C-alpha atoms as a PDB file:
ATOM      1  CA  MET A   1      64.426  99.389 124.007  1.00  0.00           C
ATOM      2  CA  SER A   2      66.746 102.002 122.186  1.00  0.00           C
ATOM      3  CA  PHE A   3      70.023 101.137 120.817  1.00  0.00           C
ATOM      4  CA  ASN A   4      70.716 104.691 119.194  1.00  0.00           C
ATOM      5  CA  GLU A   5      73.675 105.636 121.429  1.00  0.00           C
ATOM      6  CA  LYS A   6      76.942 106.256 119.604  1.00  0.00           C
ATOM      7  CA  PRO A   7      79.823 104.009 120.753  1.00  0.00           C
ATOM      8  CA  PHE A   8      83.093 105.413 122.034  1.00  0.00           C
ATOM      9  CA  GLU A   9      85.798 105.155 119.514  1.00  0.00           C
ATOM     10  CA  ASP A  10      89.582 105.706 119.730  1.00  0.00           C
ATOM     11  CA  LYS A  11      91.078 105.341 116.281  1.00  0.00           C
ATOM     12  CA  ALA A  12      94.655 105.643 117.492  1.00  0.00           C
ATOM     13  CA  THR A  13      94.272 102.326 119.261  1.00  0.00           C
ATOM     14  CA  ASP A  14      91.635 100.951 117.010  1.00  0.00           C
ATOM     15  CA  THR A  15      89.235 100.563 120.067  1.00  0.00           C
ATOM     16  CA  THR A  16      85.384 100.739 119.881  1.00  0.00           C
ATOM     17  CA  ILE A  17      83.475 100.669 123.238  1.00  0.00           C
ATOM     18  CA  TYR A  18      79.758 100.036 122.978  1.00  0.00           C
ATOM     19  CA  PHE A  19      77.083 101.001 125.579  1.00  0.00           C
ATOM     20  CA  LEU A  20      75.185  98.097 127.143  1.00  0.00           C
ATOM     21  CA  LYS A  21      72.157  98.468 125.236  1.00  0.00           C
ATOM     22  CA  GLN A  22      74.063  98.599 122.032  1.00  0.00           C
ATOM     23  CA  VAL A  23      75.780  95.277 122.789  1.00  0.00           C
ATOM     24  CA  ALA A  24      72.340  93.883 123.624  1.00  0.00           C
ATOM     25  CA  GLY A  25      71.042  95.126 120.221  1.00  0.00           C
ATOM     26  CA  LEU A  26      73.988  93.290 118.487  1.00  0.00           C
ATOM     27  CA  PHE A  27      73.358  90.141 120.368  1.00  0.00           C
ATOM     28  CA  ILE A  28      69.607  90.337 119.652  1.00  0.00           C
ATOM     29  CA  SER A  29      70.484  90.600 115.853  1.00  0.00           C
ATOM     30  CA  CYS A  30      72.612  87.543 116.275  1.00  0.00           C
ATOM     31  CA  ASN A  31      75.720  89.467 115.021  1.00  0.00           C
ATOM     32  CA  PRO A  32      78.344  86.884 114.595  1.00  0.00           C
ATOM     33  CA  ASN A  33      81.326  88.952 115.835  1.00  0.00           C
ATOM     34  CA  SER A  34      79.380  90.057 118.842  1.00  0.00           C
ATOM     35  CA  LEU A  35      77.992  86.493 119.761  1.00  0.00           C
ATOM     36  CA  GLU A  36      81.445  85.046 119.728  1.00  0.00           C
ATOM     37  CA  MET A  37      82.041  86.979 123.095  1.00  0.00           C
ATOM     38  CA  LEU A  38      79.054  84.839 124.586  1.00  0.00           C
ATOM     39  CA  GLY A  39      80.760  81.545 123.420  1.00  0.00           C
ATOM     40  CA  THR A  40      84.561  82.112 124.181  1.00  0.00           C
ATOM     41  CA  LYS A  41      86.179  79.609 126.413  1.00  0.00           C
ATOM     42  CA  PRO A  42      86.317  80.993 129.919  1.00  0.00           C
ATOM     43  CA  ASP A  43      90.251  80.361 129.915  1.00  0.00           C
ATOM     44  CA  HIS A  44      90.498  82.435 126.822  1.00  0.00           C
ATOM     45  CA  LEU A  45      88.975  85.547 128.381  1.00  0.00           C
ATOM     46  CA  PHE A  46      91.428  88.333 129.658  1.00  0.00           C
ATOM     47  CA  MET A  47      88.725  89.605 131.934  1.00  0.00           C
ATOM     48  CA  LEU A  48      85.089  88.791 132.895  1.00  0.00           C
ATOM     49  CA  SER A  49      83.086  90.987 134.996  1.00  0.00           C
ATOM     50  CA  LYS A  50      79.924  89.792 137.063  1.00  0.00           C
ATOM     51  CA  GLU A  51      77.942  91.561 134.436  1.00  0.00           C
ATOM     52  CA  GLY A  52      79.547  89.894 131.633  1.00  0.00           C
ATOM     53  CA  LYS A  53      79.230  86.489 133.356  1.00  0.00           C
ATOM     54  CA  LEU A  54      75.468  87.135 133.726  1.00  0.00           C
ATOM     55  CA  LEU A  55      75.211  87.802 129.953  1.00  0.00           C
ATOM     56  CA  ARG A  56      77.225  84.597 129.101  1.00  0.00           C
ATOM     57  CA  GLU A  57      75.206  82.533 131.366  1.00  0.00           C
ATOM     58  CA  ASN A  58      71.982  83.787 129.692  1.00  0.00           C
ATOM     59  CA  TYR A  59      73.171  83.658 126.047  1.00  0.00           C
ATOM     60  CA  ASP A  60      70.220  81.572 124.908  1.00  0.00           C
ATOM     61  CA  ILE A  61      67.665  84.464 125.446  1.00  0.00           C
ATOM     62  CA  PHE A  62      69.180  86.389 122.611  1.00  0.00           C
ATOM     63  CA  LEU A  63      69.120  83.629 120.108  1.00  0.00           C
ATOM     64  CA  SER A  64      66.353  83.415 117.405  1.00  0.00           C
ATOM     65  CA  ILE A  65      66.002  82.475 113.821  1.00  0.00           C
ATOM     66  CA  LYS A  66      67.720  86.009 113.079  1.00  0.00           C
ATOM     67  CA  ALA A  67      70.690  83.689 113.057  1.00  0.00           C
ATOM     68  CA  VAL A  68      69.800  82.484 109.776  1.00  0.00           C
ATOM     69  CA  SER A  69      70.161  85.978 107.925  1.00  0.00           C
ATOM     70  CA  SER A  70      73.016  87.073 110.209  1.00  0.00           C
ATOM     71  CA  PHE A  71      75.304  84.001 109.848  1.00  0.00           C
ATOM     72  CA  GLY A  72      74.063  83.134 106.455  1.00  0.00           C
ATOM     73  CA  GLY A  73      74.388  86.759 105.244  1.00  0.00           C
ATOM     74  CA  TYR A  74      77.877  87.136 106.702  1.00  0.00           C
ATOM     75  CA  ALA A  75      78.951  83.960 105.073  1.00  0.00           C
ATOM     76  CA  ILE A  76      77.612  85.131 101.765  1.00  0.00           C
ATOM     77  CA  GLN A  77      79.568  88.321 102.028  1.00  0.00           C
ATOM     78  CA  GLN A  78      82.685  86.407 102.516  1.00  0.00           C
ATOM     79  CA  LEU A  79      81.952  84.152  99.660  1.00  0.00           C
ATOM     80  CA  ARG A  80      81.338  87.009  97.353  1.00  0.00           C
ATOM     81  CA  ARG A  81      84.503  88.500  98.164  1.00  0.00           C
ATOM     82  CA  LEU A  82      86.282  85.197  97.359  1.00  0.00           C
ATOM     83  CA  GLN A  83      84.544  84.727  94.080  1.00  0.00           C
ATOM     84  CA  ASN A  84      84.878  88.417  93.028  1.00  0.00           C
ATOM     85  CA  ALA A  85      88.788  88.237  93.462  1.00  0.00           C
ATOM     86  CA  LEU A  86      88.969  84.983  91.648  1.00  0.00           C
ATOM     87  CA  ALA A  87      86.793  86.420  88.729  1.00  0.00           C
ATOM     88  CA  ARG A  88      89.412  89.344  88.323  1.00  0.00           C
ATOM     89  CA  ASP A  89      91.778  87.885  85.892  1.00  0.00           C
ATOM     90  CA  SER A  90      90.867  84.230  85.367  1.00  0.00           C
ATOM     91  CA  TYR A  91      87.458  84.556  83.580  1.00  0.00           C
ATOM     92  CA  PRO A  92      86.363  86.053  80.249  1.00  0.00           C
ATOM     93  CA  GLN A  93      83.963  89.055  80.367  1.00  0.00           C
ATOM     94  CA  LYS A  94      80.831  86.917  79.885  1.00  0.00           C
ATOM     95  CA  GLU A  95      81.921  84.650  82.883  1.00  0.00           C
ATOM     96  CA  LYS A  96      82.701  87.555  85.037  1.00  0.00           C
ATOM     97  CA  GLU A  97      79.283  89.145  84.326  1.00  0.00           C
ATOM     98  CA  LYS A  98      77.613  85.766  85.297  1.00  0.00           C
ATOM     99  CA  HIS A  99      79.571  85.908  88.753  1.00  0.00           C
ATOM    100  CA  ILE A 100      78.300  89.553  89.296  1.00  0.00           C
ATOM    101  CA  LEU A 101      74.638  88.260  88.696  1.00  0.00           C
ATOM    102  CA  ASN A 102      75.118  85.287  91.075  1.00  0.00           C
ATOM    103  CA  SER A 103      76.524  87.568  93.674  1.00  0.00           C
ATOM    104  CA  ILE A 104      73.512  89.901  93.300  1.00  0.00           C
ATOM    105  CA  PHE A 105      71.219  86.872  93.598  1.00  0.00           C
ATOM    106  CA  LYS A 106      73.054  85.905  96.832  1.00  0.00           C
ATOM    107  CA  GLN A 107      72.853  89.442  98.238  1.00  0.00           C
ATOM    108  CA  PHE A 108      69.040  89.513  97.610  1.00  0.00           C
ATOM    109  CA  LEU A 109      68.851  86.555 100.363  1.00  0.00           C
ATOM    110  CA  THR A 110      70.116  88.837 103.017  1.00  0.00           C
ATOM    111  CA  LEU A 111      67.603  91.664 102.141  1.00  0.00           C
ATOM    112  CA  THR A 112      64.346  90.248 103.312  1.00  0.00           C
ATOM    113  CA  ASP A 113      64.687  91.201 106.866  1.00  0.00           C
ATOM    114  CA  ARG A 114      65.355  94.887 106.011  1.00  0.00           C
ATOM    115  CA  TYR A 115      63.249  95.648 102.925  1.00  0.00           C
ATOM    116  CA  LYS A 116      59.748  94.850 101.525  1.00  0.00           C
ATOM    117  CA  LYS A 117      60.076  91.551  99.464  1.00  0.00           C
ATOM    118  CA  ILE A 118      60.568  91.763  95.821  1.00  0.00           C
ATOM    119  CA  THR A 119      59.681  88.681  93.826  1.00  0.00           C
ATOM    120  CA  GLY A 120      61.391  87.350  90.834  1.00  0.00           C
ATOM    121  CA  ASP A 121      58.334  88.381  88.552  1.00  0.00           C
ATOM    122  CA  GLU A 122      58.663  92.022  89.930  1.00  0.00           C
ATOM    123  CA  LEU A 123      62.409  92.430  89.458  1.00  0.00           C
ATOM    124  CA  TYR A 124      63.820  89.881  86.906  1.00  0.00           C
ATOM    125  CA  LEU A 125      67.632  90.096  86.362  1.00  0.00           C
ATOM    126  CA  TYR A 126      69.124  87.928  83.622  1.00  0.00           C
ATOM    127  CA  LEU A 127      72.088  87.878  81.064  1.00  0.00           C
ATOM    128  CA  ASP A 128      71.631  88.828  77.462  1.00  0.00           C
ATOM    129  CA  LYS A 129      73.833  89.814  74.305  1.00  0.00           C
ATOM    130  CA  SER A 130      75.261  93.243  74.821  1.00  0.00           C
ATOM    131  CA  ASP A 131      75.645  96.166  72.265  1.00  0.00           C
ATOM    132  CA  LYS A 132      78.704  97.606  74.291  1.00  0.00           C
ATOM    133  CA  LEU A 133      81.959  97.443  72.702  1.00  0.00           C
ATOM    134  CA  ASP A 134      83.828  95.483  75.308  1.00  0.00           C
ATOM    135  CA  PHE A 135      80.886  93.234  76.507  1.00  0.00           C
ATOM    136  CA  ASP A 136      79.772  89.989  75.013  1.00  0.00           C
ATOM    137  CA  GLU A 137      76.899  89.717  77.535  1.00  0.00           C
ATOM    138  CA  GLU A 138      75.738  91.977  80.128  1.00  0.00           C
ATOM    139  CA  ILE A 139      73.085  92.029  83.006  1.00  0.00           C
ATOM    140  CA  PHE A 140      69.597  93.369  82.087  1.00  0.00           C
ATOM    141  CA  MET A 141      66.580  93.862  84.234  1.00  0.00           C
ATOM    142  CA  ASP A 142      62.753  93.842  83.747  1.00  0.00           C
ATOM    143  CA  ILE A 143      60.903  95.707  86.501  1.00  0.00           C
ATOM    144  CA  SER A 144      57.204  95.428  87.312  1.00  0.00           C
ATOM    145  CA  LEU A 145      56.695  97.062  90.665  1.00  0.00           C
ATOM    146  CA  LYS A 146      53.409  98.695  92.064  1.00  0.00           C
ATOM    147  CA  HIS A 147      52.974 100.496  95.363  1.00  0.00           C
ATOM    148  CA  TYR A 148      56.601  99.565  96.304  1.00  0.00           C
ATOM    149  CA  PRO A 149      58.413 101.776  98.947  1.00  0.00           C
ATOM    150  CA  LEU A 150      60.590 104.151  97.169  1.00  0.00           C
ATOM    151  CA  ARG A 151      63.255 104.251 100.010  1.00  0.00           C
ATOM    152  CA  ASP A 152      63.360 100.479 100.114  1.00  0.00           C
ATOM    153  CA  PHE A 153      63.927 100.423  96.401  1.00  0.00           C
ATOM    154  CA  LYS A 154      66.638 103.069  96.707  1.00  0.00           C
ATOM    155  CA  ASN A 155      68.530 101.139  99.299  1.00  0.00           C
ATOM    156  CA  ILE A 156      68.159  97.847  97.356  1.00  0.00           C
ATOM    157  CA  TYR A 157      69.554  99.456  94.319  1.00  0.00           C
ATOM    158  CA  GLY A 158      72.477 100.803  96.539  1.00  0.00           C
ATOM    159  CA  GLU A 159      73.314  97.272  97.685  1.00  0.00           C
ATOM    160  CA  ILE A 160      73.201  95.992  94.177  1.00  0.00           C
ATOM    161  CA  ASN A 161      75.458  98.945  93.143  1.00  0.00           C
ATOM    162  CA  ASN A 162      77.946  97.960  95.896  1.00  0.00           C
ATOM    163  CA  VAL A 163      78.247  94.442  94.516  1.00  0.00           C
ATOM    164  CA  ILE A 164      79.106  95.777  91.038  1.00  0.00           C
ATOM    165  CA  GLN A 165      81.572  98.254  92.399  1.00  0.00           C
ATOM    166  CA  SER A 166      83.288  95.585  94.444  1.00  0.00           C
ATOM    167  CA  TYR A 167      84.033  93.879  91.056  1.00  0.00           C
ATOM    168  CA  ASP A 168      85.262  97.061  89.391  1.00  0.00           C
ATOM    169  CA  LYS A 169      87.705  97.744  92.403  1.00  0.00           C
ATOM    170  CA  LEU A 170      89.446  94.412  91.890  1.00  0.00           C
ATOM    171  CA  ASN A 171      91.623  95.732  89.143  1.00  0.00           C
ATOM    172  CA  HIS A 172      93.454  98.047  91.484  1.00  0.00           C
ATOM    173  CA  ARG A 173      94.388  95.369  93.985  1.00  0.00           C
ATOM    174  CA  ASN A 174      97.799  93.521  94.507  1.00  0.00           C
ATOM    175  CA  SER A 175      97.383  89.888  93.450  1.00  0.00           C
ATOM    176  CA  LYS A 176      99.688  88.400  96.068  1.00  0.00           C
ATOM    177  CA  LYS A 177      97.985  90.363  98.982  1.00  0.00           C
ATOM    178  CA  ASP A 178      94.679  89.341  97.571  1.00  0.00           C
ATOM    179  CA  GLU A 179      95.596  85.664  97.800  1.00  0.00           C
ATOM    180  CA  LEU A 180      96.361  85.989 101.546  1.00  0.00           C
ATOM    181  CA  HIS A 181      93.022  87.846 101.975  1.00  0.00           C
ATOM    182  CA  LEU A 182      91.077  85.227 100.093  1.00  0.00           C
ATOM    183  CA  ASN A 183      92.374  82.365 102.130  1.00  0.00           C
ATOM    184  CA  LYS A 184      91.339  84.300 105.293  1.00  0.00           C
ATOM    185  CA  HIS A 185      87.858  84.969 103.796  1.00  0.00           C
ATOM    186  CA  ALA A 186      87.425  81.297 102.892  1.00  0.00           C
ATOM    187  CA  MET A 187      88.519  80.330 106.505  1.00  0.00           C
ATOM    188  CA  HIS A 188      85.918  82.730 107.991  1.00  0.00           C
ATOM    189  CA  LEU A 189      83.271  81.532 105.579  1.00  0.00           C
ATOM    190  CA  ILE A 190      83.609  77.806 106.692  1.00  0.00           C
ATOM    191  CA  ARG A 191      83.705  78.870 110.231  1.00  0.00           C
ATOM    192  CA  LEU A 192      80.636  81.034 110.063  1.00  0.00           C
ATOM    193  CA  LEU A 193      78.655  78.267 108.376  1.00  0.00           C
ATOM    194  CA  ILE A 194      79.674  75.732 111.058  1.00  0.00           C
ATOM    195  CA  MET A 195      78.967  78.121 113.981  1.00  0.00           C
ATOM    196  CA  GLY A 196      75.648  79.010 112.484  1.00  0.00           C
ATOM    197  CA  SER A 197      74.572  75.495 112.129  1.00  0.00           C
ATOM    198  CA  GLU A 198      75.377  74.756 115.526  1.00  0.00           C
ATOM    199  CA  ILE A 199      73.376  77.661 116.857  1.00  0.00           C
ATOM    200  CA  LEU A 200      70.272  76.678 114.761  1.00  0.00           C
ATOM    201  CA  GLU A 201      70.582  73.068 115.982  1.00  0.00           C
ATOM    202  CA  GLY A 202      70.399  74.151 119.479  1.00  0.00           C
ATOM    203  CA  LYS A 203      74.103  73.534 120.339  1.00  0.00           C
ATOM    204  CA  GLY A 204      74.845  76.779 121.827  1.00  0.00           C
ATOM    205  CA  ILE A 205      77.601  79.260 120.817  1.00  0.00           C
ATOM    206  CA  ASN A 206      80.905  77.514 120.323  1.00  0.00           C
ATOM    207  CA  THR A 207      83.502  80.131 119.395  1.00  0.00           C
ATOM    208  CA  TYR A 208      86.614  78.018 119.836  1.00  0.00           C
ATOM    209  CA  ARG A 209      86.757  75.595 116.934  1.00  0.00           C
ATOM    210  CA  ALA A 210      88.716  72.577 118.433  1.00  0.00           C
ATOM    211  CA  LYS A 211      87.401  69.975 116.032  1.00  0.00           C
ATOM    212  CA  GLU A 212      87.891  72.137 112.961  1.00  0.00           C
ATOM    213  CA  ARG A 213      90.924  74.077 114.035  1.00  0.00           C
ATOM    214  CA  GLU A 214      93.551  72.209 111.850  1.00  0.00           C
ATOM    215  CA  LEU A 215      91.224  72.357 108.858  1.00  0.00           C
ATOM    216  CA  LEU A 216      90.602  76.125 109.256  1.00  0.00           C
ATOM    217  CA  LEU A 217      94.361  76.794 109.668  1.00  0.00           C
ATOM    218  CA  GLU A 218      95.185  74.712 106.558  1.00  0.00           C
ATOM    219  CA  ILE A 219      92.658  76.743 104.508  1.00  0.00           C
ATOM    220  CA  ARG A 220      94.089  80.040 105.804  1.00  0.00           C
ATOM    221  CA  SER A 221      97.642  78.667 104.933  1.00  0.00           C
ATOM    222  CA  GLY A 222      96.487  78.086 101.170  1.00  0.00           C
ATOM    223  CA  LYS A 223      96.728  74.133 101.392  1.00  0.00           C
ATOM    224  CA  TYR A 224      93.562  73.710  99.401  1.00  0.00           C
ATOM    225  CA  SER A 225      92.699  74.911  95.869  1.00  0.00           C
ATOM    226  CA  TYR A 226      89.559  77.143  95.419  1.00  0.00           C
ATOM    227  CA  ASP A 227      87.818  74.315  93.730  1.00  0.00           C
ATOM    228  CA  GLU A 228      88.188  72.202  96.852  1.00  0.00           C
ATOM    229  CA  ILE A 229      87.139  75.155  99.012  1.00  0.00           C
ATOM    230  CA  PHE A 230      84.071  75.728  97.174  1.00  0.00           C
ATOM    231  CA  GLU A 231      83.238  71.997  97.360  1.00  0.00           C
ATOM    232  CA  MET A 232      83.543  72.360 101.295  1.00  0.00           C
ATOM    233  CA  VAL A 233      81.391  75.440 101.183  1.00  0.00           C
ATOM    234  CA  ASP A 234      78.757  73.648  99.316  1.00  0.00           C
ATOM    235  CA  GLU A 235      78.703  70.899 101.868  1.00  0.00           C
ATOM    236  CA  TYR A 236      78.617  73.253 105.012  1.00  0.00           C
ATOM    237  CA  ASP A 237      75.919  75.409 103.251  1.00  0.00           C
ATOM    238  CA  LYS A 238      73.764  72.381 102.780  1.00  0.00           C
ATOM    239  CA  GLN A 239      74.106  71.572 106.537  1.00  0.00           C
ATOM    240  CA  PHE A 240      73.357  75.316 107.251  1.00  0.00           C
ATOM    241  CA  LYS A 241      70.376  75.298 105.329  1.00  0.00           C
ATOM    242  CA  TYR A 242      69.201  71.997 106.828  1.00  0.00           C
ATOM    243  CA  ALA A 243      69.627  73.420 110.324  1.00  0.00           C
ATOM    244  CA  ALA A 244      67.730  76.571 109.286  1.00  0.00           C
ATOM    245  CA  LYS A 245      64.740  74.460 107.976  1.00  0.00           C
ATOM    246  CA  HIS A 246      64.498  72.345 111.139  1.00  0.00           C
ATOM    247  CA  THR A 247      65.540  74.760 113.860  1.00  0.00           C
ATOM    248  CA  ASN A 248      63.612  75.115 117.055  1.00  0.00           C
ATOM    249  CA  LEU A 249      64.735  78.460 117.780  1.00  0.00           C
ATOM    250  CA  PRO A 250      62.076  81.165 118.373  1.00  0.00           C
ATOM    251  CA  GLU A 251      61.136  83.710 115.835  1.00  0.00           C
ATOM    252  CA  GLU A 252      62.207  86.511 118.159  1.00  0.00           C
ATOM    253  CA  PRO A 253      64.536  86.521 121.077  1.00  0.00           C
ATOM    254  CA  ASP A 254      63.228  86.735 124.736  1.00  0.00           C
ATOM    255  CA  TYR A 255      62.944  90.551 124.840  1.00  0.00           C
ATOM    256  CA  LYS A 256      61.264  90.471 128.419  1.00  0.00           C
ATOM    257  CA  LYS A 257      64.300  88.494 129.837  1.00  0.00           C
ATOM    258  CA  ILE A 258      66.738  90.726 127.922  1.00  0.00           C
ATOM    259  CA  GLU A 259      65.089  93.834 129.364  1.00  0.00           C
ATOM    260  CA  ASP A 260      65.172  92.229 132.934  1.00  0.00           C
ATOM    261  CA  ILE A 261      68.824  91.553 132.453  1.00  0.00           C
ATOM    262  CA  ILE A 262      69.702  94.999 131.329  1.00  0.00           C
ATOM    263  CA  ILE A 263      67.802  96.439 134.307  1.00  0.00           C
ATOM    264  CA  GLU A 264      69.617  94.219 136.734  1.00  0.00           C
ATOM    265  CA  ILE A 265      72.935  95.128 135.420  1.00  0.00           C
ATOM    266  CA  ASN A 266      72.152  98.940 135.502  1.00  0.00           C
ATOM    267  CA  ARG A 267      70.895  98.686 138.957  1.00  0.00           C
ATOM    268  CA  SER A 268      73.943  96.731 140.160  1.00  0.00           C
ATOM    269  CA  VAL A 269      76.246  99.310 138.719  1.00  0.00           C
ATOM    270  CA  ILE A 270      74.403 102.262 140.210  1.00  0.00           C
ATOM    271  CA  ASN A 271      74.312 100.586 143.630  1.00  0.00           C
ATOM    272  CA  GLU A 272      78.103  99.965 143.607  1.00  0.00           C
ATOM    273  CA  HIS A 273      78.579 103.595 143.019  1.00  0.00           C
END
């Protein structure tokens, strides 16, 4: 199955339309933003075609343990943004460097499905005293790689560099605007961990969070301190990791049934025209 077609984009209206196989590819990778379409309440849908109904009725064929890295990875990105912004002004240089290192470690958790694995012995990152004028400590690395794909290493280095650059850009942001964005990131972080846990537990895709709606809105409105938010994150992260460890989801989605549905939809559209 090929998912290489380019989507149609209309920047004037901020609209992106994906081809069927691209949408299927996003479902197969358990992309959180895409899976939400399969779990939206029927009365919240503006329009639902028979093809869309068929996809929603068979949502389970797309689910696999890929949800661990997709939902966990997205949540980690949200957490990194939150921690990055907090580190902007309130921490001394040594503490900021520690946050950067922790963010890099978290980023490494999302790399295993894209690149050849690197162990801690092969790439060891750590803090130590710095000779730089404005640094008390900085991140150092010890590398001992053999027969490792160059392009994989290049891409991993690029992702590490993105983490570092995201901290460097913080000094150019508006603090009040940041606060609003941080609350929104925190809300999405909690929501992703809850949804991801439910998917891994076999409870389906539940986009509308009736039970947690008030909590999520309170987080977005700034009711909770960041310390309280991080405590919540720790608790929901434990639940997510437990669900990931004990999930009964298959290693891979049901490619045969997915292929059959795509053929059925294509045939139906062709016959109608």
